[in-house]
Amino acid sequence: MKKVIKINEEPCIGCSLCSLVCSMTWNHAYGLNDTHIVVDRSDLDGRFEIKVLDTCKRCFKCVKICPSSCIEIVEVQDDQDEGGHNG
């Protein structure tokens, strides 16, 4: 079994704390440009979309900092497709 990130975008408030903690952890920078998780607002319905990039290091700090519990850790079989981390 391996641990992957699962996203539930519905409760997302768009705070981008997940992106900030990622950038600070891996790039020692406070910003949203160089991160492994991205929060965008949809042009269609105004909801927030969370994208975990393939470069994700799986430190799971984004899971711990999310105030809306949008991001969680799930276990999948080693041979199971992760579905872009958003499955």
PDB file of N, CA and C in Angstrom:
ATOM      1  N   MET A   1       0.838  -1.186   0.000  1.00  0.00           N
ATOM      2  CA  MET A   1       0.000   0.000   0.000  1.00  0.00           C
ATOM      3  C   MET A   1       0.884   1.251   0.000  1.00  0.00           C
ATOM      4  N   LYS A   2       0.407   2.254  -0.721  1.00  0.00           N
ATOM      5  CA  LYS A   2       1.108   3.531  -0.703  1.00  0.00           C
ATOM      6  C   LYS A   2       0.118   4.635  -0.376  1.00  0.00           C
ATOM      7  N   LYS A   3       0.623   5.710   0.172  1.00  0.00           N
ATOM      8  CA  LYS A   3      -0.220   6.838   0.558  1.00  0.00           C
ATOM      9  C   LYS A   3      -0.225   7.875  -0.560  1.00  0.00           C
ATOM     10  N   VAL A   4      -1.423   8.346  -0.893  1.00  0.00           N
ATOM     11  CA  VAL A   4      -1.587   9.380  -1.906  1.00  0.00           C
ATOM     12  C   VAL A   4      -2.549  10.443  -1.383  1.00  0.00           C
ATOM     13  N   ILE A   5      -2.591  11.550  -2.067  1.00  0.00           N
ATOM     14  CA  ILE A   5      -3.471  12.648  -1.692  1.00  0.00           C
ATOM     15  C   ILE A   5      -4.787  12.535  -2.445  1.00  0.00           C
ATOM     16  N   LYS A   6      -5.874  12.714  -1.718  1.00  0.00           N
ATOM     17  CA  LYS A   6      -7.205  12.760  -2.321  1.00  0.00           C
ATOM     18  C   LYS A   6      -7.783  14.145  -2.038  1.00  0.00           C
ATOM     19  N   ILE A   7      -8.387  14.732  -3.060  1.00  0.00           N
ATOM     20  CA  ILE A   7      -8.909  16.089  -2.968  1.00  0.00           C
ATOM     21  C   ILE A   7     -10.433  16.092  -2.995  1.00  0.00           C
ATOM     22  N   ASN A   8     -11.032  16.866  -2.108  1.00  0.00           N
ATOM     23  CA  ASN A   8     -12.461  17.166  -2.146  1.00  0.00           C
ATOM     24  C   ASN A   8     -12.553  18.687  -2.249  1.00  0.00           C
ATOM     25  N   GLU A   9     -12.777  19.200  -3.450  1.00  0.00           N
ATOM     26  CA  GLU A   9     -12.730  20.641  -3.688  1.00  0.00           C
ATOM     27  C   GLU A   9     -13.927  21.408  -3.132  1.00  0.00           C
ATOM     28  N   GLU A  10     -15.019  20.736  -2.877  1.00  0.00           N
ATOM     29  CA  GLU A  10     -16.249  21.434  -2.498  1.00  0.00           C
ATOM     30  C   GLU A  10     -16.095  22.372  -1.292  1.00  0.00           C
ATOM     31  N   PRO A  11     -15.452  21.944  -0.188  1.00  0.00           N
ATOM     32  CA  PRO A  11     -15.350  22.863   0.957  1.00  0.00           C
ATOM     33  C   PRO A  11     -14.197  23.874   0.863  1.00  0.00           C
ATOM     34  N   CYS A  12     -13.436  23.858  -0.235  1.00  0.00           N
ATOM     35  CA  CYS A  12     -12.270  24.741  -0.368  1.00  0.00           C
ATOM     36  C   CYS A  12     -12.686  26.209  -0.292  1.00  0.00           C
ATOM     37  N   ILE A  13     -11.966  26.986   0.534  1.00  0.00           N
ATOM     38  CA  ILE A  13     -12.237  28.416   0.681  1.00  0.00           C
ATOM     39  C   ILE A  13     -11.226  29.266  -0.092  1.00  0.00           C
ATOM     40  N   GLY A  14     -10.286  28.624  -0.776  1.00  0.00           N
ATOM     41  CA  GLY A  14      -9.331  29.337  -1.609  1.00  0.00           C
ATOM     42  C   GLY A  14      -8.238  30.063  -0.861  1.00  0.00           C
ATOM     43  N   CYS A  15      -7.920  29.641   0.336  1.00  0.00           N
ATOM     44  CA  CYS A  15      -6.918  30.330   1.154  1.00  0.00           C
ATOM     45  C   CYS A  15      -5.487  30.115   0.654  1.00  0.00           C
ATOM     46  N   SER A  16      -5.248  29.051  -0.088  1.00  0.00           N
ATOM     47  CA  SER A  16      -3.933  28.705  -0.646  1.00  0.00           C
ATOM     48  C   SER A  16      -2.880  28.388   0.407  1.00  0.00           C
ATOM     49  N   LEU A  17      -3.296  28.084   1.631  1.00  0.00           N
ATOM     50  CA  LEU A  17      -2.324  27.687   2.652  1.00  0.00           C
ATOM     51  C   LEU A  17      -1.574  26.427   2.237  1.00  0.00           C
ATOM     52  N   CYS A  18      -2.248  25.536   1.515  1.00  0.00           N
ATOM     53  CA  CYS A  18      -1.596  24.311   1.048  1.00  0.00           C
ATOM     54  C   CYS A  18      -0.422  24.648   0.125  1.00  0.00           C
ATOM     55  N   SER A  19      -0.632  25.582  -0.789  1.00  0.00           N
ATOM     56  CA  SER A  19       0.426  26.001  -1.710  1.00  0.00           C
ATOM     57  C   SER A  19       1.555  26.709  -0.974  1.00  0.00           C
ATOM     58  N   LEU A  20       1.201  27.551  -0.021  1.00  0.00           N
ATOM     59  CA  LEU A  20       2.218  28.291   0.727  1.00  0.00           C
ATOM     60  C   LEU A  20       3.100  27.376   1.563  1.00  0.00           C
ATOM     61  N   VAL A  21       2.492  26.413   2.263  1.00  0.00           N
ATOM     62  CA  VAL A  21       3.299  25.510   3.087  1.00  0.00           C
ATOM     63  C   VAL A  21       4.191  24.641   2.204  1.00  0.00           C
ATOM     64  N   CYS A  22       3.709  24.287   1.033  1.00  0.00           N
ATOM     65  CA  CYS A  22       4.518  23.500   0.099  1.00  0.00           C
ATOM     66  C   CYS A  22       5.727  24.310  -0.379  1.00  0.00           C
ATOM     67  N   SER A  23       5.479  25.531  -0.793  1.00  0.00           N
ATOM     68  CA  SER A  23       6.552  26.393  -1.270  1.00  0.00           C
ATOM     69  C   SER A  23       7.587  26.666  -0.180  1.00  0.00           C
ATOM     70  N   MET A  24       7.112  26.914   1.029  1.00  0.00           N
ATOM     71  CA  MET A  24       8.033  27.184   2.135  1.00  0.00           C
ATOM     72  C   MET A  24       8.846  25.944   2.509  1.00  0.00           C
ATOM     73  N   THR A  25       8.216  24.769   2.439  1.00  0.00           N
ATOM     74  CA  THR A  25       8.898  23.529   2.810  1.00  0.00           C
ATOM     75  C   THR A  25       9.966  23.147   1.797  1.00  0.00           C
ATOM     76  N   TRP A  26       9.624  23.197   0.523  1.00  0.00           N
ATOM     77  CA  TRP A  26      10.515  22.663  -0.510  1.00  0.00           C
ATOM     78  C   TRP A  26      11.375  23.706  -1.194  1.00  0.00           C
ATOM     79  N   ASN A  27      10.959  24.967  -1.197  1.00  0.00           N
ATOM     80  CA  ASN A  27      11.709  25.999  -1.904  1.00  0.00           C
ATOM     81  C   ASN A  27      12.178  27.121  -0.991  1.00  0.00           C
ATOM     82  N   HIS A  28      11.828  27.022   0.287  1.00  0.00           N
ATOM     83  CA  HIS A  28      12.219  28.028   1.277  1.00  0.00           C
ATOM     84  C   HIS A  28      11.838  29.433   0.818  1.00  0.00           C
ATOM     85  N   ALA A  29      10.667  29.520   0.185  1.00  0.00           N
ATOM     86  CA  ALA A  29      10.172  30.800  -0.319  1.00  0.00           C
ATOM     87  C   ALA A  29       8.703  30.946   0.047  1.00  0.00           C
ATOM     88  N   TYR A  30       8.299  32.175   0.327  1.00  0.00           N
ATOM     89  CA  TYR A  30       6.903  32.459   0.648  1.00  0.00           C
ATOM     90  C   TYR A  30       6.247  32.978  -0.625  1.00  0.00           C
ATOM     91  N   GLY A  31       5.598  32.086  -1.345  1.00  0.00           N
ATOM     92  CA  GLY A  31       4.951  32.481  -2.592  1.00  0.00           C
ATOM     93  C   GLY A  31       4.188  31.331  -3.208  1.00  0.00           C
ATOM     94  N   LEU A  32       3.453  31.632  -4.256  1.00  0.00           N
ATOM     95  CA  LEU A  32       2.602  30.633  -4.893  1.00  0.00           C
ATOM     96  C   LEU A  32       3.113  30.203  -6.263  1.00  0.00           C
ATOM     97  N   ASN A  33       4.273  30.693  -6.685  1.00  0.00           N
ATOM     98  CA  ASN A  33       4.756  30.404  -8.029  1.00  0.00           C
ATOM     99  C   ASN A  33       5.503  29.086  -8.158  1.00  0.00           C
ATOM    100  N   ASP A  34       6.175  28.664  -7.125  1.00  0.00           N
ATOM    101  CA  ASP A  34       7.009  27.467  -7.213  1.00  0.00           C
ATOM    102  C   ASP A  34       6.554  26.471  -6.154  1.00  0.00           C
ATOM    103  N   THR A  35       5.484  25.753  -6.461  1.00  0.00           N
ATOM    104  CA  THR A  35       4.864  24.854  -5.504  1.00  0.00           C
ATOM    105  C   THR A  35       4.389  23.587  -6.200  1.00  0.00           C
ATOM    106  N   HIS A  36       4.073  22.561  -5.442  1.00  0.00           N
ATOM    107  CA  HIS A  36       3.632  21.281  -6.000  1.00  0.00           C
ATOM    108  C   HIS A  36       2.121  21.101  -5.913  1.00  0.00           C
ATOM    109  N   ILE A  37       1.426  22.089  -5.367  1.00  0.00           N
ATOM    110  CA  ILE A  37      -0.036  22.060  -5.287  1.00  0.00           C
ATOM    111  C   ILE A  37      -0.554  23.461  -5.625  1.00  0.00           C
ATOM    112  N   VAL A  38      -1.552  23.507  -6.497  1.00  0.00           N
ATOM    113  CA  VAL A  38      -2.033  24.779  -7.028  1.00  0.00           C
ATOM    114  C   VAL A  38      -3.532  24.922  -6.761  1.00  0.00           C
ATOM    115  N   VAL A  39      -3.931  26.099  -6.313  1.00  0.00           N
ATOM    116  CA  VAL A  39      -5.348  26.405  -6.106  1.00  0.00           C
ATOM    117  C   VAL A  39      -5.741  27.498  -7.096  1.00  0.00           C
ATOM    118  N   ASP A  40      -6.730  27.198  -7.928  1.00  0.00           N
ATOM    119  CA  ASP A  40      -7.235  28.154  -8.917  1.00  0.00           C
ATOM    120  C   ASP A  40      -8.737  28.302  -8.761  1.00  0.00           C
ATOM    121  N   ARG A  41      -9.258  29.428  -9.215  1.00  0.00           N
ATOM    122  CA  ARG A  41     -10.707  29.631  -9.232  1.00  0.00           C
ATOM    123  C   ARG A  41     -11.210  29.317 -10.638  1.00  0.00           C
ATOM    124  N   SER A  42     -12.235  28.490 -10.715  1.00  0.00           N
ATOM    125  CA  SER A  42     -12.828  28.100 -11.988  1.00  0.00           C
ATOM    126  C   SER A  42     -13.532  29.286 -12.636  1.00  0.00           C
ATOM    127  N   ASP A  43     -13.298  29.475 -13.929  1.00  0.00           N
ATOM    128  CA  ASP A  43     -13.983  30.530 -14.670  1.00  0.00           C
ATOM    129  C   ASP A  43     -15.451  30.196 -14.891  1.00  0.00           C
ATOM    130  N   LEU A  44     -15.778  28.917 -14.871  1.00  0.00           N
ATOM    131  CA  LEU A  44     -17.143  28.488 -15.164  1.00  0.00           C
ATOM    132  C   LEU A  44     -18.111  28.748 -14.017  1.00  0.00           C
ATOM    133  N   ASP A  45     -17.737  28.333 -12.811  1.00  0.00           N
ATOM    134  CA  ASP A  45     -18.681  28.436 -11.694  1.00  0.00           C
ATOM    135  C   ASP A  45     -18.121  29.146 -10.458  1.00  0.00           C
ATOM    136  N   GLY A  46     -16.896  29.633 -10.530  1.00  0.00           N
ATOM    137  CA  GLY A  46     -16.318  30.366  -9.414  1.00  0.00           C
ATOM    138  C   GLY A  46     -15.801  29.516  -8.272  1.00  0.00           C
ATOM    139  N   ARG A  47     -15.933  28.200  -8.395  1.00  0.00           N
ATOM    140  CA  ARG A  47     -15.424  27.307  -7.344  1.00  0.00           C
ATOM    141  C   ARG A  47     -13.905  27.207  -7.443  1.00  0.00           C
ATOM    142  N   PHE A  48     -13.321  26.755  -6.361  1.00  0.00           N
ATOM    143  CA  PHE A  48     -11.876  26.582  -6.342  1.00  0.00           C
ATOM    144  C   PHE A  48     -11.515  25.184  -6.817  1.00  0.00           C
ATOM    145  N   GLU A  49     -10.431  25.108  -7.589  1.00  0.00           N
ATOM    146  CA  GLU A  49      -9.915  23.838  -8.087  1.00  0.00           C
ATOM    147  C   GLU A  49      -8.529  23.634  -7.497  1.00  0.00           C
ATOM    148  N   ILE A  50      -8.294  22.460  -6.948  1.00  0.00           N
ATOM    149  CA  ILE A  50      -7.006  22.136  -6.346  1.00  0.00           C
ATOM    150  C   ILE A  50      -6.332  21.093  -7.218  1.00  0.00           C
ATOM    151  N   LYS A  51      -5.104  21.394  -7.642  1.00  0.00           N
ATOM    152  CA  LYS A  51      -4.361  20.465  -8.482  1.00  0.00           C
ATOM    153  C   LYS A  51      -3.058  20.092  -7.786  1.00  0.00           C
ATOM    154  N   VAL A  52      -2.875  18.804  -7.568  1.00  0.00           N
ATOM    155  CA  VAL A  52      -1.617  18.303  -7.024  1.00  0.00           C
ATOM    156  C   VAL A  52      -0.774  17.870  -8.218  1.00  0.00           C
ATOM    157  N   LEU A  53       0.382  18.474  -8.365  1.00  0.00           N
ATOM    158  CA  LEU A  53       1.230  18.192  -9.515  1.00  0.00           C
ATOM    159  C   LEU A  53       1.967  16.870  -9.350  1.00  0.00           C
ATOM    160  N   ASP A  54       2.418  16.327 -10.477  1.00  0.00           N
ATOM    161  CA  ASP A  54       3.172  15.073 -10.451  1.00  0.00           C
ATOM    162  C   ASP A  54       4.483  15.213  -9.685  1.00  0.00           C
ATOM    163  N   THR A  55       4.940  16.432  -9.477  1.00  0.00           N
ATOM    164  CA  THR A  55       6.190  16.670  -8.747  1.00  0.00           C
ATOM    165  C   THR A  55       6.012  16.624  -7.231  1.00  0.00           C
ATOM    166  N   CYS A  56       4.786  16.383  -6.774  1.00  0.00           N
ATOM    167  CA  CYS A  56       4.480  16.330  -5.341  1.00  0.00           C
ATOM    168  C   CYS A  56       5.437  15.386  -4.614  1.00  0.00           C
ATOM    169  N   LYS A  57       5.978  15.829  -3.496  1.00  0.00           N
ATOM    170  CA  LYS A  57       6.940  15.047  -2.706  1.00  0.00           C
ATOM    171  C   LYS A  57       6.272  14.167  -1.654  1.00  0.00           C
ATOM    172  N   ARG A  58       4.965  14.292  -1.499  1.00  0.00           N
ATOM    173  CA  ARG A  58       4.178  13.510  -0.539  1.00  0.00           C
ATOM    174  C   ARG A  58       4.644  13.697   0.915  1.00  0.00           C
ATOM    175  N   CYS A  59       4.911  14.935   1.269  1.00  0.00           N
ATOM    176  CA  CYS A  59       5.229  15.229   2.671  1.00  0.00           C
ATOM    177  C   CYS A  59       3.943  15.376   3.485  1.00  0.00           C
ATOM    178  N   PHE A  60       2.837  15.622   2.786  1.00  0.00           N
ATOM    179  CA  PHE A  60       1.493  15.721   3.365  1.00  0.00           C
ATOM    180  C   PHE A  60       1.310  16.903   4.316  1.00  0.00           C
ATOM    181  N   LYS A  61       2.176  17.898   4.238  1.00  0.00           N
ATOM    182  CA  LYS A  61       1.987  19.091   5.073  1.00  0.00           C
ATOM    183  C   LYS A  61       0.738  19.860   4.659  1.00  0.00           C
ATOM    184  N   CYS A  62       0.374  19.763   3.380  1.00  0.00           N
ATOM    185  CA  CYS A  62      -0.845  20.426   2.900  1.00  0.00           C
ATOM    186  C   CYS A  62      -2.078  19.842   3.582  1.00  0.00           C
ATOM    187  N   VAL A  63      -2.042  18.555   3.866  1.00  0.00           N
ATOM    188  CA  VAL A  63      -3.168  17.890   4.533  1.00  0.00           C
ATOM    189  C   VAL A  63      -3.349  18.463   5.931  1.00  0.00           C
ATOM    190  N   LYS A  64      -2.245  18.639   6.622  1.00  0.00           N
ATOM    191  CA  LYS A  64      -2.294  19.103   8.008  1.00  0.00           C
ATOM    192  C   LYS A  64      -2.717  20.565   8.133  1.00  0.00           C
ATOM    193  N   ILE A  65      -2.378  21.387   7.146  1.00  0.00           N
ATOM    194  CA  ILE A  65      -2.636  22.828   7.273  1.00  0.00           C
ATOM    195  C   ILE A  65      -3.992  23.258   6.721  1.00  0.00           C
ATOM    196  N   CYS A  66      -4.633  22.451   5.916  1.00  0.00           N
ATOM    197  CA  CYS A  66      -5.896  22.840   5.279  1.00  0.00           C
ATOM    198  C   CYS A  66      -6.999  23.058   6.322  1.00  0.00           C
ATOM    199  N   PRO A  67      -7.521  24.290   6.436  1.00  0.00           N
ATOM    200  CA  PRO A  67      -8.548  24.563   7.440  1.00  0.00           C
ATOM    201  C   PRO A  67      -9.923  24.001   7.081  1.00  0.00           C
ATOM    202  N   SER A  68     -10.102  23.608   5.823  1.00  0.00           N
ATOM    203  CA  SER A  68     -11.406  23.102   5.366  1.00  0.00           C
ATOM    204  C   SER A  68     -11.437  21.593   5.194  1.00  0.00           C
ATOM    205  N   SER A  69     -10.333  20.936   5.510  1.00  0.00           N
ATOM    206  CA  SER A  69     -10.217  19.475   5.357  1.00  0.00           C
ATOM    207  C   SER A  69     -10.527  19.009   3.938  1.00  0.00           C
ATOM    208  N   CYS A  70     -10.056  19.764   2.958  1.00  0.00           N
ATOM    209  CA  CYS A  70     -10.258  19.415   1.543  1.00  0.00           C
ATOM    210  C   CYS A  70      -9.287  18.341   1.074  1.00  0.00           C
ATOM    211  N   ILE A  71      -8.177  18.230   1.777  1.00  0.00           N
ATOM    212  CA  ILE A  71      -7.090  17.366   1.340  1.00  0.00           C
ATOM    213  C   ILE A  71      -6.918  16.260   2.369  1.00  0.00           C
ATOM    214  N   GLU A  72      -6.894  15.026   1.892  1.00  0.00           N
ATOM    215  CA  GLU A  72      -6.720  13.911   2.822  1.00  0.00           C
ATOM    216  C   GLU A  72      -5.750  12.890   2.247  1.00  0.00           C
ATOM    217  N   ILE A  73      -5.264  12.042   3.129  1.00  0.00           N
ATOM    218  CA  ILE A  73      -4.368  10.958   2.744  1.00  0.00           C
ATOM    219  C   ILE A  73      -5.191   9.685   2.643  1.00  0.00           C
ATOM    220  N   VAL A  74      -5.021   8.969   1.533  1.00  0.00           N
ATOM    221  CA  VAL A  74      -5.664   7.667   1.370  1.00  0.00           C
ATOM    222  C   VAL A  74      -4.600   6.657   0.970  1.00  0.00           C
ATOM    223  N   GLU A  75      -4.862   5.403   1.284  1.00  0.00           N
ATOM    224  CA  GLU A  75      -3.945   4.338   0.897  1.00  0.00           C
ATOM    225  C   GLU A  75      -4.517   3.598  -0.295  1.00  0.00           C
ATOM    226  N   VAL A  76      -3.651   3.337  -1.287  1.00  0.00           N
ATOM    227  CA  VAL A  76      -4.041   2.592  -2.480  1.00  0.00           C
ATOM    228  C   VAL A  76      -3.038   1.464  -2.697  1.00  0.00           C
ATOM    229  N   GLN A  77      -3.445   0.492  -3.464  1.00  0.00           N
ATOM    230  CA  GLN A  77      -2.540  -0.596  -3.818  1.00  0.00           C
ATOM    231  C   GLN A  77      -1.360  -0.022  -4.591  1.00  0.00           C
ATOM    232  N   ASP A  78      -0.188  -0.609  -4.439  1.00  0.00           N
ATOM    233  CA  ASP A  78       1.006  -0.111  -5.111  1.00  0.00           C
ATOM    234  C   ASP A  78       0.849  -0.061  -6.623  1.00  0.00           C
ATOM    235  N   ASP A  79       0.075  -0.980  -7.200  1.00  0.00           N
ATOM    236  CA  ASP A  79      -0.084  -1.030  -8.649  1.00  0.00           C
ATOM    237  C   ASP A  79      -1.301  -0.245  -9.139  1.00  0.00           C
ATOM    238  N   GLN A  80      -2.028   0.407  -8.239  1.00  0.00           N
ATOM    239  CA  GLN A  80      -3.231   1.158  -8.605  1.00  0.00           C
ATOM    240  C   GLN A  80      -2.857   2.539  -9.117  1.00  0.00           C
ATOM    241  N   ASP A  81      -3.512   2.960 -10.187  1.00  0.00           N
ATOM    242  CA  ASP A  81      -3.284   4.288 -10.742  1.00  0.00           C
ATOM    243  C   ASP A  81      -3.773   5.341  -9.757  1.00  0.00           C
ATOM    244  N   GLU A  82      -2.982   6.390  -9.556  1.00  0.00           N
ATOM    245  CA  GLU A  82      -3.323   7.435  -8.597  1.00  0.00           C
ATOM    246  C   GLU A  82      -4.303   8.445  -9.158  1.00  0.00           C
ATOM    247  N   GLY A  83      -4.526   8.450 -10.448  1.00  0.00           N
ATOM    248  CA  GLY A  83      -5.469   9.396 -11.029  1.00  0.00           C
ATOM    249  C   GLY A  83      -5.052  10.846 -10.851  1.00  0.00           C
ATOM    250  N   GLY A  84      -3.759  11.129 -11.029  1.00  0.00           N
ATOM    251  CA  GLY A  84      -3.288  12.505 -10.916  1.00  0.00           C
ATOM    252  C   GLY A  84      -3.378  13.076  -9.519  1.00  0.00           C
ATOM    253  N   HIS A  85      -3.371  12.245  -8.522  1.00  0.00           N
ATOM    254  CA  HIS A  85      -3.434  12.627  -7.106  1.00  0.00           C
ATOM    255  C   HIS A  85      -4.781  13.201  -6.702  1.00  0.00           C
ATOM    256  N   ASN A  86      -5.650  13.435  -7.653  1.00  0.00           N
ATOM    257  CA  ASN A  86      -6.931  14.065  -7.335  1.00  0.00           C
ATOM    258  C   ASN A  86      -8.053  13.061  -7.222  1.00  0.00           C
ATOM    259  N   GLY A  87      -7.766  11.778  -7.388  1.00  0.00           N
ATOM    260  CA  GLY A  87      -8.769  10.726  -7.410  1.00  0.00           C
ATOM    261  C   GLY A  87      -9.532  10.664  -6.190  1.00  0.00           C
TER     262      GLY A  87
END
